[in-house]
Amino acid sequence: MSQTTMTVRLSGELSDFVANNIDENGSYENISEYVRSLIRKDKERAEKEKFEKLKAELTLAFSAPDSTYSEVSAQDTFDRNN
């Protein structure tokens, strides 16, 4: 697992907002912990969106009438994808 150091500059409202979430009164002990938490939450959101999109596509496919499907051989599939 690699580790990357990044620098982020914040000012004004954003800086104040972050400062209010860090220290003994805030939810996080330091800025790095706060940023990692935000990234994890965003990653989870993106993964959930992908899952919901796949679920919707599968729901649509499984609800389609049998008449919309046609039989193909493995060779047809292979040929189509090469």
C-alpha atoms as a PDB file:
ATOM      1  CA  MET A   1       0.000   0.000   0.000  1.00  0.00           C
ATOM      2  CA  SER A   2       1.508   3.299  -1.060  1.00  0.00           C
ATOM      3  CA  GLN A   3       1.227   6.508   0.844  1.00  0.00           C
ATOM      4  CA  THR A   4       0.957   9.957  -0.691  1.00  0.00           C
ATOM      5  CA  THR A   5       1.423  13.297   0.989  1.00  0.00           C
ATOM      6  CA  MET A   6      -0.834  16.034  -0.329  1.00  0.00           C
ATOM      7  CA  THR A   7      -1.091  19.716   0.428  1.00  0.00           C
ATOM      8  CA  VAL A   8      -4.462  21.429   0.434  1.00  0.00           C
ATOM      9  CA  ARG A   9      -4.945  25.140   0.907  1.00  0.00           C
ATOM     10  CA  LEU A  10      -8.175  26.356   2.451  1.00  0.00           C
ATOM     11  CA  SER A  11      -9.193  29.854   3.347  1.00  0.00           C
ATOM     12  CA  GLY A  12     -12.154  31.728   4.683  1.00  0.00           C
ATOM     13  CA  GLU A  13     -15.349  29.806   5.220  1.00  0.00           C
ATOM     14  CA  LEU A  14     -13.851  26.410   4.333  1.00  0.00           C
ATOM     15  CA  SER A  15     -10.939  26.871   6.703  1.00  0.00           C
ATOM     16  CA  ASP A  16     -13.270  27.919   9.512  1.00  0.00           C
ATOM     17  CA  PHE A  17     -15.547  24.950   8.841  1.00  0.00           C
ATOM     18  CA  VAL A  18     -12.646  22.495   9.031  1.00  0.00           C
ATOM     19  CA  ALA A  19     -11.313  24.143  12.171  1.00  0.00           C
ATOM     20  CA  ASN A  20     -14.708  23.739  13.841  1.00  0.00           C
ATOM     21  CA  ASN A  21     -14.615  19.983  13.163  1.00  0.00           C
ATOM     22  CA  ILE A  22     -11.168  19.538  14.667  1.00  0.00           C
ATOM     23  CA  ASP A  23      -9.952  19.855  18.246  1.00  0.00           C
ATOM     24  CA  GLU A  24     -11.413  18.740  21.520  1.00  0.00           C
ATOM     25  CA  ASN A  25     -14.878  20.079  20.637  1.00  0.00           C
ATOM     26  CA  GLY A  26     -14.925  18.700  17.095  1.00  0.00           C
ATOM     27  CA  SER A  27     -15.454  15.227  15.705  1.00  0.00           C
ATOM     28  CA  TYR A  28     -11.843  14.682  14.577  1.00  0.00           C
ATOM     29  CA  GLU A  29      -8.464  14.882  16.279  1.00  0.00           C
ATOM     30  CA  ASN A  30      -6.616  16.329  13.286  1.00  0.00           C
ATOM     31  CA  ILE A  31      -7.061  17.466   9.705  1.00  0.00           C
ATOM     32  CA  SER A  32      -5.634  14.267   8.223  1.00  0.00           C
ATOM     33  CA  GLU A  33      -8.201  12.160  10.078  1.00  0.00           C
ATOM     34  CA  TYR A  34     -10.969  14.467   8.874  1.00  0.00           C
ATOM     35  CA  VAL A  35      -9.850  14.362   5.232  1.00  0.00           C
ATOM     36  CA  ARG A  36      -9.449  10.557   5.276  1.00  0.00           C
ATOM     37  CA  SER A  37     -12.975  10.262   6.673  1.00  0.00           C
ATOM     38  CA  LEU A  38     -14.369  12.520   3.940  1.00  0.00           C
ATOM     39  CA  ILE A  39     -12.585  10.510   1.249  1.00  0.00           C
ATOM     40  CA  ARG A  40     -13.864   7.208   2.664  1.00  0.00           C
ATOM     41  CA  LYS A  41     -17.436   8.548   2.725  1.00  0.00           C
ATOM     42  CA  ASP A  42     -17.132   9.786  -0.853  1.00  0.00           C
ATOM     43  CA  LYS A  43     -15.705   6.424  -1.944  1.00  0.00           C
ATOM     44  CA  GLU A  44     -18.613   4.609  -0.277  1.00  0.00           C
ATOM     45  CA  ARG A  45     -21.069   6.984  -2.013  1.00  0.00           C
ATOM     46  CA  ALA A  46     -19.476   6.333  -5.410  1.00  0.00           C
ATOM     47  CA  GLU A  47     -19.543   2.555  -4.851  1.00  0.00           C
ATOM     48  CA  LYS A  48     -23.191   2.727  -3.785  1.00  0.00           C
ATOM     49  CA  GLU A  49     -24.061   4.713  -6.931  1.00  0.00           C
ATOM     50  CA  LYS A  50     -22.350   2.088  -9.104  1.00  0.00           C
ATOM     51  CA  PHE A  51     -24.196  -0.701  -7.299  1.00  0.00           C
ATOM     52  CA  GLU A  52     -27.560   1.057  -7.656  1.00  0.00           C
ATOM     53  CA  LYS A  53     -26.934   1.607 -11.377  1.00  0.00           C
ATOM     54  CA  LEU A  54     -26.062  -2.070 -11.856  1.00  0.00           C
ATOM     55  CA  LYS A  55     -29.098  -3.115  -9.826  1.00  0.00           C
ATOM     56  CA  ALA A  56     -31.371  -0.926 -11.977  1.00  0.00           C
ATOM     57  CA  GLU A  57     -29.912  -2.367 -15.187  1.00  0.00           C
ATOM     58  CA  LEU A  58     -30.345  -5.930 -13.924  1.00  0.00           C
ATOM     59  CA  THR A  59     -33.908  -5.218 -12.789  1.00  0.00           C
ATOM     60  CA  LEU A  60     -34.707  -3.866 -16.240  1.00  0.00           C
ATOM     61  CA  ALA A  61     -33.071  -6.854 -17.952  1.00  0.00           C
ATOM     62  CA  PHE A  62     -34.862  -9.423 -15.796  1.00  0.00           C
ATOM     63  CA  SER A  63     -38.214  -7.713 -16.275  1.00  0.00           C
ATOM     64  CA  ALA A  64     -37.937  -7.733 -20.082  1.00  0.00           C
ATOM     65  CA  PRO A  65     -40.234 -10.204 -21.857  1.00  0.00           C
ATOM     66  CA  ASP A  66     -38.621 -13.392 -23.149  1.00  0.00           C
ATOM     67  CA  SER A  67     -39.440 -12.317 -26.704  1.00  0.00           C
ATOM     68  CA  THR A  68     -36.800  -9.579 -26.477  1.00  0.00           C
ATOM     69  CA  TYR A  69     -34.019 -12.152 -26.059  1.00  0.00           C
ATOM     70  CA  SER A  70     -32.398 -14.146 -28.824  1.00  0.00           C
ATOM     71  CA  GLU A  71     -30.280 -17.245 -28.544  1.00  0.00           C
ATOM     72  CA  VAL A  72     -26.594 -16.887 -29.421  1.00  0.00           C
ATOM     73  CA  SER A  73     -23.742 -19.360 -29.312  1.00  0.00           C
ATOM     74  CA  ALA A  74     -20.538 -18.892 -27.401  1.00  0.00           C
ATOM     75  CA  GLN A  75     -18.764 -18.489 -30.741  1.00  0.00           C
ATOM     76  CA  ASP A  76     -21.168 -15.692 -31.762  1.00  0.00           C
ATOM     77  CA  THR A  77     -20.373 -13.891 -28.525  1.00  0.00           C
ATOM     78  CA  PHE A  78     -16.652 -14.423 -28.987  1.00  0.00           C
ATOM     79  CA  ASP A  79     -16.766 -13.180 -32.581  1.00  0.00           C
ATOM     80  CA  ARG A  80     -18.805 -10.110 -31.621  1.00  0.00           C
ATOM     81  CA  ASN A  81     -16.278  -9.110 -28.955  1.00  0.00           C
ATOM     82  CA  ASN A  82     -13.116  -9.477 -31.014  1.00  0.00           C
END
